[in-house]
C-alpha atoms as a PDB file:
ATOM      1  CA  MET A   1     132.710 107.644 135.541  1.00  0.00           C
ATOM      2  CA  THR A   2     131.221 104.458 136.844  1.00  0.00           C
ATOM      3  CA  ASP A   3     129.723 101.669 135.462  1.00  0.00           C
ATOM      4  CA  ALA A   4     126.339 102.662 136.714  1.00  0.00           C
ATOM      5  CA  GLU A   5     126.789 106.269 135.081  1.00  0.00           C
ATOM      6  CA  ASN A   6     128.159 104.747 131.929  1.00  0.00           C
ATOM      7  CA  ARG A   7     125.288 101.971 132.190  1.00  0.00           C
ATOM      8  CA  ILE A   8     122.714 105.344 132.164  1.00  0.00           C
ATOM      9  CA  GLY A   9     124.680 107.335 129.831  1.00  0.00           C
ATOM     10  CA  LEU A  10     124.257 104.392 127.193  1.00  0.00           C
ATOM     11  CA  GLU A  11     120.223 103.958 128.234  1.00  0.00           C
ATOM     12  CA  THR A  12     119.759 107.717 127.417  1.00  0.00           C
ATOM     13  CA  LEU A  13     121.939 107.097 124.301  1.00  0.00           C
ATOM     14  CA  ASP A  14     119.469 104.209 123.212  1.00  0.00           C
ATOM     15  CA  GLN A  15     116.504 106.377 123.990  1.00  0.00           C
ATOM     16  CA  HIS A  16     117.233 109.110 121.964  1.00  0.00           C
ATOM     17  CA  ARG A  17     118.253 106.684 118.810  1.00  0.00           C
ATOM     18  CA  ASP A  18     115.244 105.393 119.539  1.00  0.00           C
ATOM     19  CA  ARG A  19     113.195 108.484 119.503  1.00  0.00           C
ATOM     20  CA  PHE A  20     115.002 109.567 116.647  1.00  0.00           C
ATOM     21  CA  ILE A  21     114.633 106.532 114.423  1.00  0.00           C
ATOM     22  CA  ASP A  22     110.794 106.996 115.515  1.00  0.00           C
ATOM     23  CA  SER A  23     110.631 110.876 114.466  1.00  0.00           C
ATOM     24  CA  PHE A  24     112.274 110.245 111.480  1.00  0.00           C
ATOM     25  CA  ALA A  25     109.609 107.346 109.894  1.00  0.00           C
ATOM     26  CA  HIS A  26     107.071 109.299 110.858  1.00  0.00           C
ATOM     27  CA  ALA A  27     108.104 112.859 109.080  1.00  0.00           C
ATOM     28  CA  LEU A  28     108.730 110.427 106.115  1.00  0.00           C
ATOM     29  CA  ARG A  29     105.363 108.778 106.351  1.00  0.00           C
ATOM     30  CA  ASN A  30     104.033 111.944 106.373  1.00  0.00           C
ATOM     31  CA  GLN A  31     105.423 113.592 103.273  1.00  0.00           C
ATOM     32  CA  ILE A  32     105.140 110.385 101.733  1.00  0.00           C
ATOM     33  CA  ALA A  33     100.897 110.740 102.123  1.00  0.00           C
ATOM     34  CA  ALA A  34     100.963 114.617 101.575  1.00  0.00           C
ATOM     35  CA  ILE A  35     102.364 113.538  98.259  1.00  0.00           C
ATOM     36  CA  GLY A  36      99.762 111.393  97.388  1.00  0.00           C
ATOM     37  CA  GLY A  37      97.088 113.199  98.820  1.00  0.00           C
ATOM     38  CA  TYR A  38      97.904 116.200  96.358  1.00  0.00           C
ATOM     39  CA  ALA A  39      98.115 113.874  93.821  1.00  0.00           C
ATOM     40  CA  ASP A  40      94.851 112.442  94.085  1.00  0.00           C
ATOM     41  CA  LEU A  41      94.121 116.185  94.526  1.00  0.00           C
ATOM     42  CA  ILE A  42      95.002 116.684  91.084  1.00  0.00           C
ATOM     43  CA  GLU A  43      93.734 113.873  89.632  1.00  0.00           C
ATOM     44  CA  GLY A  44      89.939 114.487  90.692  1.00  0.00           C
ATOM     45  CA  SER A  45      90.713 118.622  89.384  1.00  0.00           C
ATOM     46  CA  GLY A  46      89.807 118.385  86.272  1.00  0.00           C
ATOM     47  CA  ASN A  47      90.278 117.738  82.919  1.00  0.00           C
ATOM     48  CA  LEU A  48      94.394 116.800  82.039  1.00  0.00           C
ATOM     49  CA  ASN A  49      95.693 116.482  79.081  1.00  0.00           C
ATOM     50  CA  GLU A  50      98.220 113.285  78.207  1.00  0.00           C
ATOM     51  CA  ASP A  51     101.364 114.642  79.110  1.00  0.00           C
ATOM     52  CA  GLN A  52      99.741 115.497  82.650  1.00  0.00           C
ATOM     53  CA  GLN A  53      98.039 112.271  83.107  1.00  0.00           C
ATOM     54  CA  LEU A  54     101.194 110.386  82.070  1.00  0.00           C
ATOM     55  CA  PHE A  55     103.197 112.872  84.825  1.00  0.00           C
ATOM     56  CA  LEU A  56     100.142 112.486  87.523  1.00  0.00           C
ATOM     57  CA  LYS A  57     100.709 108.213  86.979  1.00  0.00           C
ATOM     58  CA  ARG A  58     104.248 108.407  87.805  1.00  0.00           C
ATOM     59  CA  VAL A  59     104.240 110.426  91.294  1.00  0.00           C
ATOM     60  CA  GLN A  60     101.382 108.467  91.994  1.00  0.00           C
ATOM     61  CA  SER A  61     103.238 104.781  91.243  1.00  0.00           C
ATOM     62  CA  GLY A  62     106.448 106.454  93.231  1.00  0.00           C
ATOM     63  CA  VAL A  63     104.156 107.248  95.867  1.00  0.00           C
ATOM     64  CA  GLU A  64     102.732 103.480  95.963  1.00  0.00           C
ATOM     65  CA  ARG A  65     106.561 102.212  96.015  1.00  0.00           C
ATOM     66  CA  LEU A  66     108.080 104.625  98.485  1.00  0.00           C
ATOM     67  CA  ASN A  67     104.895 103.289 100.900  1.00  0.00           C
ATOM     68  CA  HIS A  68     105.887  99.711 100.061  1.00  0.00           C
ATOM     69  CA  MET A  69     109.546  99.883 100.514  1.00  0.00           C
ATOM     70  CA  LEU A  70     109.294 102.070 103.827  1.00  0.00           C
ATOM     71  CA  PRO A  71     108.472  99.495 106.123  1.00  0.00           C
ATOM     72  CA  SER A  72     111.659  97.761 105.321  1.00  0.00           C
ATOM     73  CA  LEU A  73     113.877 100.659 105.289  1.00  0.00           C
ATOM     74  CA  ILE A  74     112.382 101.353 108.737  1.00  0.00           C
ATOM     75  CA  ASP A  75     113.592  97.823 109.785  1.00  0.00           C
ATOM     76  CA  LEU A  76     116.787  98.495 108.160  1.00  0.00           C
ATOM     77  CA  ALA A  77     117.361 101.595 110.762  1.00  0.00           C
ATOM     78  CA  TRP A  78     116.149  99.469 113.424  1.00  0.00           C
ATOM     79  CA  LEU A  79     118.877  96.335 112.775  1.00  0.00           C
ATOM     80  CA  GLU A  80     122.074  98.895 111.647  1.00  0.00           C
ATOM     81  CA  ALA A  81     121.317 101.055 115.339  1.00  0.00           C
ATOM     82  CA  GLU A  82     121.351  97.384 116.887  1.00  0.00           C
ATOM     83  CA  ILE A  83     117.944  98.164 118.474  1.00  0.00           C
ATOM     84  CA  PRO A  84     115.649  94.804 119.261  1.00  0.00           C
ATOM     85  CA  PHE A  85     111.962  94.662 118.016  1.00  0.00           C
ATOM     86  CA  PRO A  86     109.638  94.356 119.945  1.00  0.00           C
ATOM     87  CA  GLU A  87     108.448  90.916 121.140  1.00  0.00           C
ATOM     88  CA  GLN A  88     105.376  89.475 122.435  1.00  0.00           C
ATOM     89  CA  HIS A  89     104.007  86.068 122.687  1.00  0.00           C
ATOM     90  CA  LEU A  90     101.911  85.253 119.879  1.00  0.00           C
ATOM     91  CA  ALA A  91      99.218  83.145 118.172  1.00  0.00           C
ATOM     92  CA  LEU A  92     100.504  81.993 115.241  1.00  0.00           C
ATOM     93  CA  ASP A  93      96.786  80.004 113.804  1.00  0.00           C
ATOM     94  CA  GLN A  94      95.041  83.508 114.688  1.00  0.00           C
ATOM     95  CA  LEU A  95      98.285  85.276 112.271  1.00  0.00           C
ATOM     96  CA  VAL A  96      97.903  82.919 109.347  1.00  0.00           C
ATOM     97  CA  ALA A  97      94.141  83.436 109.918  1.00  0.00           C
ATOM     98  CA  GLY A  98      94.033  87.291 109.516  1.00  0.00           C
ATOM     99  CA  VAL A  99      96.613  87.404 107.258  1.00  0.00           C
ATOM    100  CA  SER A 100      94.588  85.051 104.848  1.00  0.00           C
ATOM    101  CA  ALA A 101      91.531  87.074 105.097  1.00  0.00           C
ATOM    102  CA  SER A 102      93.403  90.176 104.244  1.00  0.00           C
ATOM    103  CA  LEU A 103      94.437  88.103 100.888  1.00  0.00           C
ATOM    104  CA  GLU A 104      90.598  86.575 100.192  1.00  0.00           C
ATOM    105  CA  ILE A 105      90.130  89.451  97.586  1.00  0.00           C
ATOM    106  CA  GLN A 106      93.086  88.816  96.105  1.00  0.00           C
ATOM    107  CA  ALA A 107      92.633  85.110  95.401  1.00  0.00           C
ATOM    108  CA  GLY A 108      89.019  85.645  95.017  1.00  0.00           C
ATOM    109  CA  LEU A 109      89.892  87.361  91.634  1.00  0.00           C
ATOM    110  CA  LYS A 110      91.985  84.283  90.455  1.00  0.00           C
ATOM    111  CA  GLY A 111      89.222  81.875  91.992  1.00  0.00           C
ATOM    112  CA  ILE A 112      91.619  80.556  94.457  1.00  0.00           C
ATOM    113  CA  ARG A 113      90.632  78.723  97.748  1.00  0.00           C
ATOM    114  CA  ILE A 114      92.954  79.646 100.647  1.00  0.00           C
ATOM    115  CA  THR A 115      92.858  76.528 102.700  1.00  0.00           C
ATOM    116  CA  ILE A 116      93.888  76.274 106.442  1.00  0.00           C
ATOM    117  CA  PRO A 117      93.701  73.030 108.126  1.00  0.00           C
ATOM    118  CA  ILE A 118      94.359  73.672 111.482  1.00  0.00           C
ATOM    119  CA  VAL A 119      94.195  69.883 113.705  1.00  0.00           C
ATOM    120  CA  GLU A 120      94.841  71.598 116.748  1.00  0.00           C
ATOM    121  CA  PRO A 121      96.191  75.298 117.614  1.00  0.00           C
ATOM    122  CA  PRO A 122      99.774  75.765 118.182  1.00  0.00           C
ATOM    123  CA  PRO A 123     101.217  77.132 121.333  1.00  0.00           C
ATOM    124  CA  LEU A 124     101.765  80.685 121.737  1.00  0.00           C
ATOM    125  CA  ILE A 125     105.133  81.779 120.162  1.00  0.00           C
ATOM    126  CA  PRO A 126     107.751  84.487 120.749  1.00  0.00           C
ATOM    127  CA  GLY A 127     107.875  87.215 118.185  1.00  0.00           C
ATOM    128  CA  ASP A 128     106.979  90.501 116.443  1.00  0.00           C
ATOM    129  CA  ALA A 129     103.631  90.652 115.298  1.00  0.00           C
ATOM    130  CA  THR A 130     104.323  92.961 112.340  1.00  0.00           C
ATOM    131  CA  ARG A 131     107.276  91.830 111.100  1.00  0.00           C
ATOM    132  CA  LEU A 132     105.589  87.848 111.161  1.00  0.00           C
ATOM    133  CA  LYS A 133     102.452  89.315 109.551  1.00  0.00           C
ATOM    134  CA  GLN A 134     104.840  91.057 106.713  1.00  0.00           C
ATOM    135  CA  ALA A 135     106.323  87.778 106.348  1.00  0.00           C
ATOM    136  CA  LEU A 136     103.257  85.745 105.729  1.00  0.00           C
ATOM    137  CA  THR A 137     101.162  88.162 103.766  1.00  0.00           C
ATOM    138  CA  GLU A 138     104.831  88.152 101.703  1.00  0.00           C
ATOM    139  CA  ILE A 139     104.770  84.355 101.101  1.00  0.00           C
ATOM    140  CA  ILE A 140     100.729  83.931 100.965  1.00  0.00           C
ATOM    141  CA  ARG A 141     100.653  86.704  98.195  1.00  0.00           C
ATOM    142  CA  ASN A 142     103.598  85.099  96.343  1.00  0.00           C
ATOM    143  CA  ALA A 143     102.076  81.570  96.442  1.00  0.00           C
ATOM    144  CA  LEU A 144      98.948  83.287  95.001  1.00  0.00           C
ATOM    145  CA  CYS A 145     100.764  85.186  92.329  1.00  0.00           C
ATOM    146  CA  TYR A 146     102.052  81.862  91.391  1.00  0.00           C
ATOM    147  CA  SER A 147      99.072  79.780  91.333  1.00  0.00           C
ATOM    148  CA  PRO A 148      96.967  79.230  88.477  1.00  0.00           C
ATOM    149  CA  SER A 149      93.411  80.173  88.403  1.00  0.00           C
ATOM    150  CA  ASP A 150      90.512  78.020  90.097  1.00  0.00           C
ATOM    151  CA  SER A 151      93.571  76.414  92.041  1.00  0.00           C
ATOM    152  CA  SER A 152      94.324  76.395  96.088  1.00  0.00           C
ATOM    153  CA  VAL A 153      97.085  77.559  98.392  1.00  0.00           C
ATOM    154  CA  THR A 154      96.930  75.530 101.264  1.00  0.00           C
ATOM    155  CA  ILE A 155      98.607  76.693 104.519  1.00  0.00           C
ATOM    156  CA  LYS A 156      99.337  74.461 107.518  1.00  0.00           C
ATOM    157  CA  LEU A 157     100.553  74.360 110.708  1.00  0.00           C
ATOM    158  CA  TRP A 158     101.870  71.832 112.842  1.00  0.00           C
ATOM    159  CA  ARG A 159     104.324  71.312 115.952  1.00  0.00           C
ATOM    160  CA  ASP A 160     107.319  69.076 115.429  1.00  0.00           C
ATOM    161  CA  GLN A 161     108.393  68.040 118.994  1.00  0.00           C
ATOM    162  CA  LYS A 162     109.821  71.492 119.837  1.00  0.00           C
ATOM    163  CA  THR A 163     109.064  73.227 116.871  1.00  0.00           C
ATOM    164  CA  ILE A 164     106.176  75.262 115.562  1.00  0.00           C
ATOM    165  CA  CYS A 165     106.076  74.538 111.928  1.00  0.00           C
ATOM    166  CA  CYS A 166     104.353  76.345 108.962  1.00  0.00           C
ATOM    167  CA  SER A 167     104.307  75.790 105.599  1.00  0.00           C
ATOM    168  CA  VAL A 168     102.141  77.336 102.547  1.00  0.00           C
ATOM    169  CA  ALA A 169     101.657  75.089  99.348  1.00  0.00           C
ATOM    170  CA  ASP A 170     100.239  76.189  96.257  1.00  0.00           C
ATOM    171  CA  GLN A 171     100.010  74.529  92.723  1.00  0.00           C
ATOM    172  CA  GLY A 172     102.138  76.874  90.594  1.00  0.00           C
ATOM    173  CA  ILE A 173     104.902  75.867  88.579  1.00  0.00           C
ATOM    174  CA  GLY A 174     107.452  75.736  91.261  1.00  0.00           C
ATOM    175  CA  ILE A 175     111.112  76.569  91.258  1.00  0.00           C
ATOM    176  CA  SER A 176     113.529  74.716  88.651  1.00  0.00           C
ATOM    177  CA  ALA A 177     115.510  72.155  89.541  1.00  0.00           C
ATOM    178  CA  MET A 178     118.653  74.517  88.609  1.00  0.00           C
ATOM    179  CA  ASP A 179     117.734  77.456  90.362  1.00  0.00           C
ATOM    180  CA  GLN A 180     116.951  75.574  93.727  1.00  0.00           C
END
């Protein structure tokens, strides 16, 4: 086999692997959605005894956990298969604003203000929007979770020479010196 034939064979193998992971993820999402949908139908179907209500809540809780775990499992499959994540040019200030807006209700329930003092919009950065949103969401959600009521969470963006920086500061108790 020539180098060109080997490359074509590897590209074909990569395409099959990509399609397999996409199809597996799609099928798994559909099955989880079906289970959740049937659980919702059961819940709305009428009077359930205590045991049935308990079992139903366990099913719904399991569906919620699976929905939360699925993106990480799919990411792991992509990493294990050594498939690069899609990269695009991202406006970090817009991503931060979008994630913050999606968490406003959670913040409002505790009386927490989310502030984003942006001095100047940072330049576009290369990255994967989905994973960056996921990371920002977890970091900001964590800050909201551990902040006391009627406090604030501040998200700062700045440029430091060749680096774009982002910090999330809350007024929670922080990490003990021993655990740092």
